[in-house]
């Protein structure tokens, strides 16, 4: 079997359509279809089936895709065995991060790796719903993702389709205009916020789930006035007095409290867990391991 055909099958299974798989593999949809047809001719059984406008793997396709993970890992380990004899690791590593994590982590990561000219890190910001982060691992070597810190697990972590490297926990504080009646408090409870108007992210994104937990503690549904994913816009609205929000402690541009105040919450876990997601075969690449370790160390220093 051709390893490129197996990789195509894996990505189609992850992405759920030929067009999405083609985007991840940086090729045309027709090339993806040709790879699938060639692999199906080789194995002699049907590997995919249509579902609406999408495509899913048949039981035989799922079984082959699972075994393809082991094939990919073995190939990467073979390459790593040879790479261990190089004086310096070399190669390109593609890193994706949601926007506030990109702001917090990527500049320091690049600085840490600046003394290793053989390593090229290509960065991208990807703002997706929580259940879409795992799919990005078919396109990027390292995906920096976030989830509410209440025990959720990433799809694919249990069956070995994705490796999860915890980076840091970032508290989410209540952001208040400086003139707000609660702005001078040292901490807040959900009950304190029962009658407030909120600015939050769209449904399906981790911070929205945290807000639901916070407002559940007050016994009243949240009064959401604006749904905006760009934290820079949220900050501007809070600073202008158009609502309150939950903002990440390490990256919010409050300017020492003069622009808006950040007040910690008590009585409820309000935070997000930031993880690095990596496909297990790509985790075997020496150069990916070096970048991942630099990322982990930088995150540890931020959280210290």
Protein backbone atom coordinates (compact mmCIF):
# COMPACT_ATOMS: atom_id res chain seq x y z
CA UNK A 1 0.00 0.00 0.00
CA UNK A 2 1.10 3.52 -0.74
CA UNK A 3 1.74 5.61 2.38
CA UNK A 4 0.37 8.75 0.70
CA UNK A 5 -2.89 6.94 -0.01
CA UNK A 6 -3.11 5.83 3.63
CA UNK A 7 -2.49 9.40 4.78
CA UNK A 8 -5.25 10.62 2.47
CA UNK A 9 -7.65 8.08 3.96
CA UNK A 10 -6.80 9.24 7.49
CA UNK A 11 -7.38 12.89 6.65
CA UNK A 12 -10.67 12.22 4.88
CA UNK A 13 -11.80 10.31 7.95
CA UNK A 14 -10.83 13.24 10.18
CA UNK A 15 -12.24 16.01 7.99
CA UNK A 16 -15.40 14.35 6.69
CA UNK A 17 -15.21 15.56 3.11
CA UNK A 18 -12.95 15.47 0.06
CA UNK A 19 -12.81 19.27 -0.18
CA UNK A 20 -11.78 19.72 3.46
CA UNK A 21 -9.20 16.94 3.17
CA UNK A 22 -7.78 18.55 0.04
CA UNK A 23 -7.38 21.85 1.87
CA UNK A 24 -5.53 20.12 4.71
CA UNK A 25 -3.30 18.17 2.33
CA UNK A 26 -2.65 21.20 0.07
CA UNK A 27 -3.82 19.45 -3.08
CA UNK A 28 -6.90 19.40 -5.29
CA UNK A 29 -10.11 17.51 -4.49
CA UNK A 30 -9.60 15.44 -7.63
CA UNK A 31 -6.19 14.34 -6.36
CA UNK A 32 -7.78 13.23 -3.08
CA UNK A 33 -10.44 11.27 -4.96
CA UNK A 34 -7.81 9.60 -7.13
CA UNK A 35 -5.78 8.56 -4.08
CA UNK A 36 -8.87 7.06 -2.45
CA UNK A 37 -9.86 5.19 -5.61
CA UNK A 38 -6.35 3.80 -6.02
CA UNK A 39 -6.25 2.60 -2.41
CA UNK A 40 -9.69 1.03 -2.72
CA UNK A 41 -8.58 -0.87 -5.83
CA UNK A 42 -5.56 -2.15 -3.91
CA UNK A 43 -7.50 -3.46 -0.91
CA UNK A 44 -10.54 -4.62 -2.85
CA UNK A 45 -13.19 -3.34 -0.42
CA UNK A 46 -15.18 -0.15 -0.15
CA UNK A 47 -13.48 2.36 2.15
CA UNK A 48 -15.78 5.41 2.01
CA UNK A 49 -19.45 6.22 1.66
CA UNK A 50 -21.45 9.36 1.01
CA UNK A 51 -23.36 11.04 3.85
CA UNK A 52 -25.26 14.08 2.59
CA UNK A 53 -22.60 16.36 1.13
CA UNK A 54 -19.86 14.75 3.18
CA UNK A 55 -17.92 11.53 3.15
CA UNK A 56 -17.30 9.07 5.95
CA UNK A 57 -15.26 5.93 6.26
CA UNK A 58 -16.88 2.52 6.13
CA UNK A 59 -16.03 0.06 8.93
CA UNK A 60 -13.30 -1.32 6.65
CA UNK A 61 -12.04 2.21 6.01
CA UNK A 62 -11.98 3.01 9.74
CA UNK A 63 -10.04 -0.19 10.46
CA UNK A 64 -7.49 0.63 7.77
CA UNK A 65 -7.19 4.25 8.97
CA UNK A 66 -6.43 3.02 12.50
CA UNK A 67 -3.69 0.75 11.20
CA UNK A 68 -2.36 3.61 9.06
CA UNK A 69 -1.50 5.47 12.26
CA UNK A 70 0.94 2.72 13.20
CA UNK A 71 2.47 2.79 9.72
CA UNK A 72 2.98 6.56 9.93
CA UNK A 73 4.51 6.30 13.40
CA UNK A 74 6.93 3.60 12.23
CA UNK A 75 8.06 5.75 9.29
CA UNK A 76 8.60 8.79 11.51
CA UNK A 77 10.54 6.71 14.03
CA UNK A 78 12.77 5.46 11.25
CA UNK A 79 13.45 9.02 10.22
CA UNK A 80 14.07 10.03 13.84
CA UNK A 81 16.59 7.20 14.24
CA UNK A 82 18.66 8.66 11.43
CA UNK A 83 18.04 12.23 12.61
CA UNK A 84 19.53 11.41 15.99
CA UNK A 85 22.96 11.39 14.31
CA UNK A 86 22.63 14.99 13.13
CA UNK A 87 24.44 17.65 15.13
CA UNK A 88 21.38 19.93 14.97
CA UNK A 89 17.76 19.02 14.20
CA UNK A 90 16.50 20.56 10.98
CA UNK A 91 13.16 20.96 9.30
CA UNK A 92 9.97 22.98 9.14
CA UNK A 93 7.33 22.80 11.85
CA UNK A 94 3.89 24.29 11.27
CA UNK A 95 2.27 25.65 14.44
CA UNK A 96 -1.33 26.83 14.73
CA UNK A 97 -2.77 28.62 17.75
CA UNK A 98 -5.99 30.38 18.62
CA UNK A 99 -5.49 34.12 18.65
CA UNK A 100 -4.95 35.01 22.31
CA UNK A 101 -2.64 32.02 22.75
CA UNK A 102 -0.76 33.05 19.63
CA UNK A 103 -0.27 36.50 21.18
CA UNK A 104 0.88 34.97 24.46
CA UNK A 105 3.06 32.09 23.25
CA UNK A 106 4.32 32.49 19.71
CA UNK A 107 6.71 35.47 20.09
CA UNK A 108 8.51 33.80 22.99
CA UNK A 109 8.57 30.47 21.20
CA UNK A 110 10.26 31.99 18.16
CA UNK A 111 12.75 33.80 20.38
CA UNK A 112 13.67 30.57 22.16
CA UNK A 113 14.32 28.85 18.85
CA UNK A 114 16.21 31.73 17.24
CA UNK A 115 19.58 30.13 18.04
CA UNK A 116 18.66 27.01 16.03
CA UNK A 117 18.81 28.15 12.40
CA UNK A 118 18.04 24.68 11.10
CA UNK A 119 14.52 24.84 12.51
CA UNK A 120 11.91 26.84 10.62
CA UNK A 121 8.67 27.51 12.47
CA UNK A 122 5.70 28.61 10.38
CA UNK A 123 2.93 30.13 12.53
CA UNK A 124 -0.77 30.52 11.86
CA UNK A 125 -3.68 31.80 13.93
CA UNK A 126 -6.77 29.59 13.84
CA UNK A 127 -9.95 30.63 15.64
CA UNK A 128 -12.23 27.58 15.57
CA UNK A 129 -14.88 26.01 17.77
CA UNK A 130 -13.57 23.62 20.39
CA UNK A 131 -14.49 20.43 18.53
CA UNK A 132 -12.62 21.62 15.43
CA UNK A 133 -9.15 21.88 16.98
CA UNK A 134 -8.39 18.17 16.64
CA UNK A 135 -9.16 18.33 12.91
CA UNK A 136 -6.43 20.95 12.50
CA UNK A 137 -3.79 18.34 13.41
CA UNK A 138 -4.07 16.91 9.90
CA UNK A 139 -2.86 20.27 8.53
CA UNK A 140 -0.47 21.49 11.25
CA UNK A 141 2.30 19.75 13.19
CA UNK A 142 1.38 21.40 16.51
CA UNK A 143 -2.04 22.84 17.33
CA UNK A 144 -2.38 25.04 20.41
CA UNK A 145 -5.96 24.62 21.59
CA UNK A 146 -8.03 25.56 24.62
CA UNK A 147 -10.88 23.98 26.54
CA UNK A 148 -12.83 24.75 29.68
CA UNK A 149 -10.91 23.36 32.65
CA UNK A 150 -13.71 21.13 33.91
CA UNK A 151 -12.56 17.71 32.80
CA UNK A 152 -13.37 17.72 29.08
CA UNK A 153 -11.11 15.52 26.97
CA UNK A 154 -10.10 15.93 23.36
CA UNK A 155 -11.70 13.62 20.80
CA UNK A 156 -9.10 11.15 19.60
CA UNK A 157 -7.00 11.28 22.78
CA UNK A 158 -8.38 8.00 24.12
CA UNK A 159 -7.83 5.97 20.96
CA UNK A 160 -4.38 7.34 20.12
CA UNK A 161 -5.38 9.50 17.15
CA UNK A 162 -4.00 12.60 18.84
CA UNK A 163 -1.43 13.22 21.57
CA UNK A 164 -2.19 15.92 24.15
CA UNK A 165 0.57 17.94 25.84
CA UNK A 166 -0.77 20.20 28.63
CA UNK A 167 0.81 23.66 28.48
CA UNK A 168 -0.84 25.82 31.14
CA UNK A 169 -4.05 26.77 32.88
CA UNK A 170 -5.05 30.40 32.35
CA UNK A 171 -7.56 31.95 34.78
CA UNK A 172 -10.47 33.90 33.31
CA UNK A 173 -11.19 37.03 35.31
CA UNK A 174 -14.19 39.32 35.23
CA UNK A 175 -13.40 42.40 33.13
CA UNK A 176 -15.17 45.55 34.35
CA UNK A 177 -15.11 49.19 33.25
CA UNK A 178 -13.10 51.28 35.77
CA UNK A 179 -16.25 53.13 36.87
CA UNK A 180 -18.30 49.97 37.43
CA UNK A 181 -19.82 49.54 40.90
CA UNK A 182 -17.82 46.30 41.40
CA UNK A 183 -14.53 47.47 39.90
CA UNK A 184 -12.82 48.01 43.25
CA UNK A 185 -13.63 44.57 44.63
CA UNK A 186 -10.74 42.15 45.20
CA UNK A 187 -12.88 39.16 44.19
CA UNK A 188 -16.36 38.38 42.92
CA UNK A 189 -18.85 35.53 43.24
CA UNK A 190 -21.42 34.46 40.63
CA UNK A 191 -24.15 35.98 42.79
CA UNK A 192 -22.47 39.38 42.52
CA UNK A 193 -22.90 39.25 38.74
CA UNK A 194 -26.49 38.07 38.48
CA UNK A 195 -27.89 41.26 36.93
CA UNK A 196 -24.99 42.16 34.64
CA UNK A 197 -24.97 42.41 30.85
CA UNK A 198 -22.30 40.21 29.31
CA UNK A 199 -20.07 40.30 26.29
CA UNK A 200 -18.96 36.79 25.41
CA UNK A 201 -17.80 34.57 22.56
CA UNK A 202 -20.03 32.59 20.23
CA UNK A 203 -21.53 29.29 21.34
CA UNK A 204 -19.22 26.30 20.96
CA UNK A 205 -16.11 28.17 22.06
CA UNK A 206 -14.56 27.34 25.47
CA UNK A 207 -15.09 30.71 27.16
CA UNK A 208 -18.83 30.45 26.45
CA UNK A 209 -18.93 27.20 28.43
CA UNK A 210 -17.13 28.89 31.34
CA UNK A 211 -19.68 31.72 31.37
CA UNK A 212 -22.47 29.16 31.55
CA UNK A 213 -20.84 27.63 34.63
CA UNK A 214 -20.39 31.05 36.23
CA UNK A 215 -23.98 32.13 35.68
CA UNK A 216 -25.30 28.75 36.82
CA UNK A 217 -23.88 29.63 40.22
CA UNK A 218 -26.09 32.73 40.34
CA UNK A 219 -29.26 30.83 39.57
CA UNK A 220 -30.10 33.14 36.65
CA UNK A 221 -29.39 32.73 32.92
CA UNK A 222 -26.72 35.06 31.53
CA UNK A 223 -27.89 38.32 29.98
CA UNK A 224 -25.70 38.20 26.88
CA UNK A 225 -25.79 41.44 24.94
CA UNK A 226 -22.89 40.90 22.49
CA UNK A 227 -21.17 37.78 21.10
CA UNK A 228 -17.72 38.63 19.77
CA UNK A 229 -14.77 36.28 19.42
CA UNK A 230 -12.01 38.86 19.00
CA UNK A 231 -10.82 39.69 22.52
CA UNK A 232 -9.39 43.01 21.34
CA UNK A 233 -12.91 44.10 20.37
CA UNK A 234 -14.29 42.76 23.66
CA UNK A 235 -11.67 44.75 25.58
CA UNK A 236 -12.64 47.93 23.74
CA UNK A 237 -16.33 47.42 24.52
CA UNK A 238 -15.67 46.73 28.20
CA UNK A 239 -13.38 49.75 28.48
CA UNK A 240 -16.13 51.93 26.95
CA UNK A 241 -18.67 50.68 29.49
CA UNK A 242 -20.83 48.54 27.19
CA UNK A 243 -20.87 45.40 29.35
CA UNK A 244 -18.66 43.04 31.32
CA UNK A 245 -16.84 39.95 30.14
CA UNK A 246 -14.57 37.07 31.04
CA UNK A 247 -11.06 37.73 29.77
CA UNK A 248 -7.82 35.74 30.03
CA UNK A 249 -5.58 36.98 32.84
CA UNK A 250 -2.22 36.67 31.08
CA UNK A 251 -3.05 38.47 27.84
CA UNK A 252 -5.81 40.98 28.58
CA UNK A 253 -4.60 44.52 27.81
CA UNK A 254 -6.01 46.25 30.89
CA UNK A 255 -2.98 48.61 31.26
CA UNK A 256 -2.60 48.18 34.99
CA UNK A 257 -6.31 48.62 35.57
CA UNK A 258 -6.57 52.03 33.91
CA UNK A 259 -8.36 50.73 30.80
CA UNK A 260 -10.53 48.17 32.60
CA UNK A 261 -10.27 46.12 35.77
CA UNK A 262 -9.71 42.38 36.04
CA UNK A 263 -11.26 40.87 39.16
CA UNK A 264 -10.83 37.16 40.06
CA UNK A 265 -13.84 34.93 40.57
CA UNK A 266 -14.27 32.81 43.70
CA UNK A 267 -16.64 29.93 44.33
CA UNK A 268 -16.42 28.63 40.75
CA UNK A 269 -13.64 27.36 38.51
CA UNK A 270 -13.24 30.02 35.85
CA UNK A 271 -10.35 29.26 33.56
CA UNK A 272 -9.26 27.49 30.45
CA UNK A 273 -6.75 24.74 29.90
CA UNK A 274 -4.36 25.35 27.03
CA UNK A 275 -2.97 22.22 25.38
CA UNK A 276 -0.80 21.33 22.43
CA UNK A 277 -2.38 18.74 20.14
CA UNK A 278 -0.10 16.64 17.94
CA UNK A 279 -0.70 13.62 15.77
CA UNK A 280 1.30 10.71 17.23
CA UNK A 281 3.28 10.14 14.04
CA UNK A 282 4.34 13.79 13.81
CA UNK A 283 5.28 13.72 17.50
CA UNK A 284 8.01 11.23 16.54
CA UNK A 285 9.82 13.81 14.40
CA UNK A 286 12.87 15.11 16.23
CA UNK A 287 12.32 18.69 15.06
CA UNK A 288 8.68 18.64 16.23
CA UNK A 289 9.84 17.37 19.61
CA UNK A 290 12.30 20.25 19.94
CA UNK A 291 9.65 22.86 19.11
CA UNK A 292 7.13 21.22 21.41
CA UNK A 293 9.56 21.22 24.31
CA UNK A 294 10.40 24.89 23.73
CA UNK A 295 6.68 25.67 23.70
CA UNK A 296 6.12 23.72 26.91
CA UNK A 297 8.98 25.49 28.69
CA UNK A 298 7.78 28.92 27.59
CA UNK A 299 4.24 28.20 28.78
CA UNK A 300 5.59 27.01 32.13
CA UNK A 301 7.50 30.26 32.57
CA UNK A 302 4.37 32.33 31.81
CA UNK A 303 2.28 30.42 34.33
CA UNK A 304 4.96 30.49 37.04
